[in-house]
Amino acid sequence: MDLAITGSLSAIGYGLAAIGPGIGVGIIFASYIQSTARQPESARLTQQFLWVGFAVVEALALFGIAFGYAFGK
């Protein structure tokens, strides 16, 4: 029986590369929740940093998928 693996290695590479942004998003939201629990009055002040950090980490994930498929041929 001859088994062949077909598909793109870029998909596997992106799957592995998505682990980092996934952990990063978890850390960002956990830190925001912890800071809000400690000082509820600063929730509005730190919320803008939450969204900026989230956007930066998600941009890294999008760069990973774009570069993986662009250069992974």
C-alpha atoms as a PDB file:
ATOM      1  CA  MET A   1       0.000   0.000   0.000  1.00  0.00           C
ATOM      2  CA  ASP A   2       1.528   3.277  -1.132  1.00  0.00           C
ATOM      3  CA  LEU A   3       0.403   6.252   0.935  1.00  0.00           C
ATOM      4  CA  ALA A   4       1.121   9.723  -0.375  1.00  0.00           C
ATOM      5  CA  ILE A   5       0.876  12.943   1.529  1.00  0.00           C
ATOM      6  CA  THR A   6      -0.657  15.709  -0.521  1.00  0.00           C
ATOM      7  CA  GLY A   7      -1.311  19.317   0.337  1.00  0.00           C
ATOM      8  CA  SER A   8       0.639  22.379   1.132  1.00  0.00           C
ATOM      9  CA  LEU A   9       3.320  22.585   3.766  1.00  0.00           C
ATOM     10  CA  SER A  10       2.434  26.265   4.076  1.00  0.00           C
ATOM     11  CA  ALA A  11      -0.771  25.300   5.861  1.00  0.00           C
ATOM     12  CA  ILE A  12       1.188  23.287   8.402  1.00  0.00           C
ATOM     13  CA  GLY A  13       3.646  26.140   8.830  1.00  0.00           C
ATOM     14  CA  TYR A  14       0.875  28.645   9.404  1.00  0.00           C
ATOM     15  CA  GLY A  15      -0.808  26.327  11.867  1.00  0.00           C
ATOM     16  CA  LEU A  16       2.379  26.215  13.880  1.00  0.00           C
ATOM     17  CA  ALA A  17       2.926  29.956  13.483  1.00  0.00           C
ATOM     18  CA  ALA A  18      -0.593  30.703  14.748  1.00  0.00           C
ATOM     19  CA  ILE A  19       0.296  29.299  18.157  1.00  0.00           C
ATOM     20  CA  GLY A  20       2.295  32.426  19.036  1.00  0.00           C
ATOM     21  CA  PRO A  21      -0.438  34.986  18.282  1.00  0.00           C
ATOM     22  CA  GLY A  22      -2.969  32.746  20.017  1.00  0.00           C
ATOM     23  CA  ILE A  23      -0.914  32.762  23.183  1.00  0.00           C
ATOM     24  CA  GLY A  24      -0.302  36.501  22.800  1.00  0.00           C
ATOM     25  CA  VAL A  25      -4.011  37.313  22.558  1.00  0.00           C
ATOM     26  CA  GLY A  26      -4.663  35.202  25.634  1.00  0.00           C
ATOM     27  CA  ILE A  27      -1.993  37.015  27.614  1.00  0.00           C
ATOM     28  CA  ILE A  28      -3.252  40.435  26.523  1.00  0.00           C
ATOM     29  CA  PHE A  29      -6.857  39.771  27.517  1.00  0.00           C
ATOM     30  CA  ALA A  30      -5.834  38.043  30.757  1.00  0.00           C
ATOM     31  CA  SER A  31      -3.728  41.046  31.717  1.00  0.00           C
ATOM     32  CA  TYR A  32      -6.576  43.428  30.974  1.00  0.00           C
ATOM     33  CA  ILE A  33      -9.024  41.409  33.042  1.00  0.00           C
ATOM     34  CA  GLN A  34      -6.545  41.195  35.914  1.00  0.00           C
ATOM     35  CA  SER A  35      -5.806  44.925  35.862  1.00  0.00           C
ATOM     36  CA  THR A  36      -9.522  45.747  35.738  1.00  0.00           C
ATOM     37  CA  ALA A  37     -10.198  43.408  38.655  1.00  0.00           C
ATOM     38  CA  ARG A  38      -7.485  45.109  40.721  1.00  0.00           C
ATOM     39  CA  GLN A  39      -8.485  48.675  39.849  1.00  0.00           C
ATOM     40  CA  PRO A  40     -11.941  48.891  38.256  1.00  0.00           C
ATOM     41  CA  GLU A  41     -11.722  52.661  37.890  1.00  0.00           C
ATOM     42  CA  SER A  42      -8.876  52.318  35.379  1.00  0.00           C
ATOM     43  CA  ALA A  43     -10.815  50.071  32.996  1.00  0.00           C
ATOM     44  CA  ARG A  44     -11.517  52.832  30.455  1.00  0.00           C
ATOM     45  CA  LEU A  45      -7.901  54.005  30.565  1.00  0.00           C
ATOM     46  CA  THR A  46      -6.410  50.578  29.879  1.00  0.00           C
ATOM     47  CA  GLN A  47      -9.016  49.455  27.346  1.00  0.00           C
ATOM     48  CA  GLN A  48      -7.381  51.410  24.551  1.00  0.00           C
ATOM     49  CA  PHE A  49      -4.104  49.576  25.192  1.00  0.00           C
ATOM     50  CA  LEU A  50      -6.010  46.295  25.055  1.00  0.00           C
ATOM     51  CA  TRP A  51      -7.260  46.976  21.526  1.00  0.00           C
ATOM     52  CA  VAL A  52      -3.925  48.282  20.269  1.00  0.00           C
ATOM     53  CA  GLY A  53      -2.119  45.213  21.596  1.00  0.00           C
ATOM     54  CA  PHE A  54      -4.764  42.916  20.153  1.00  0.00           C
ATOM     55  CA  ALA A  55      -4.477  44.572  16.726  1.00  0.00           C
ATOM     56  CA  VAL A  56      -0.683  44.277  16.692  1.00  0.00           C
ATOM     57  CA  VAL A  57      -0.724  40.595  17.630  1.00  0.00           C
ATOM     58  CA  GLU A  58      -3.422  39.796  15.077  1.00  0.00           C
ATOM     59  CA  ALA A  59      -1.464  41.674  12.411  1.00  0.00           C
ATOM     60  CA  LEU A  60       1.442  39.327  13.089  1.00  0.00           C
ATOM     61  CA  ALA A  61      -0.862  36.368  12.499  1.00  0.00           C
ATOM     62  CA  LEU A  62      -2.074  37.855   9.218  1.00  0.00           C
ATOM     63  CA  PHE A  63       1.505  38.507   8.117  1.00  0.00           C
ATOM     64  CA  GLY A  64       2.267  34.874   8.915  1.00  0.00           C
ATOM     65  CA  ILE A  65      -0.482  33.562   6.673  1.00  0.00           C
ATOM     66  CA  ALA A  66       0.335  36.008   3.883  1.00  0.00           C
ATOM     67  CA  PHE A  67       4.054  35.277   3.888  1.00  0.00           C
ATOM     68  CA  GLY A  68       3.489  31.572   4.317  1.00  0.00           C
ATOM     69  CA  TYR A  69       1.448  31.301   1.162  1.00  0.00           C
ATOM     70  CA  ALA A  70       3.433  33.878  -0.802  1.00  0.00           C
ATOM     71  CA  PHE A  71       6.862  32.385  -0.171  1.00  0.00           C
ATOM     72  CA  GLY A  72       5.936  28.794   0.602  1.00  0.00           C
ATOM     73  CA  LYS A  73       5.846  27.471  -2.948  1.00  0.00           C
END
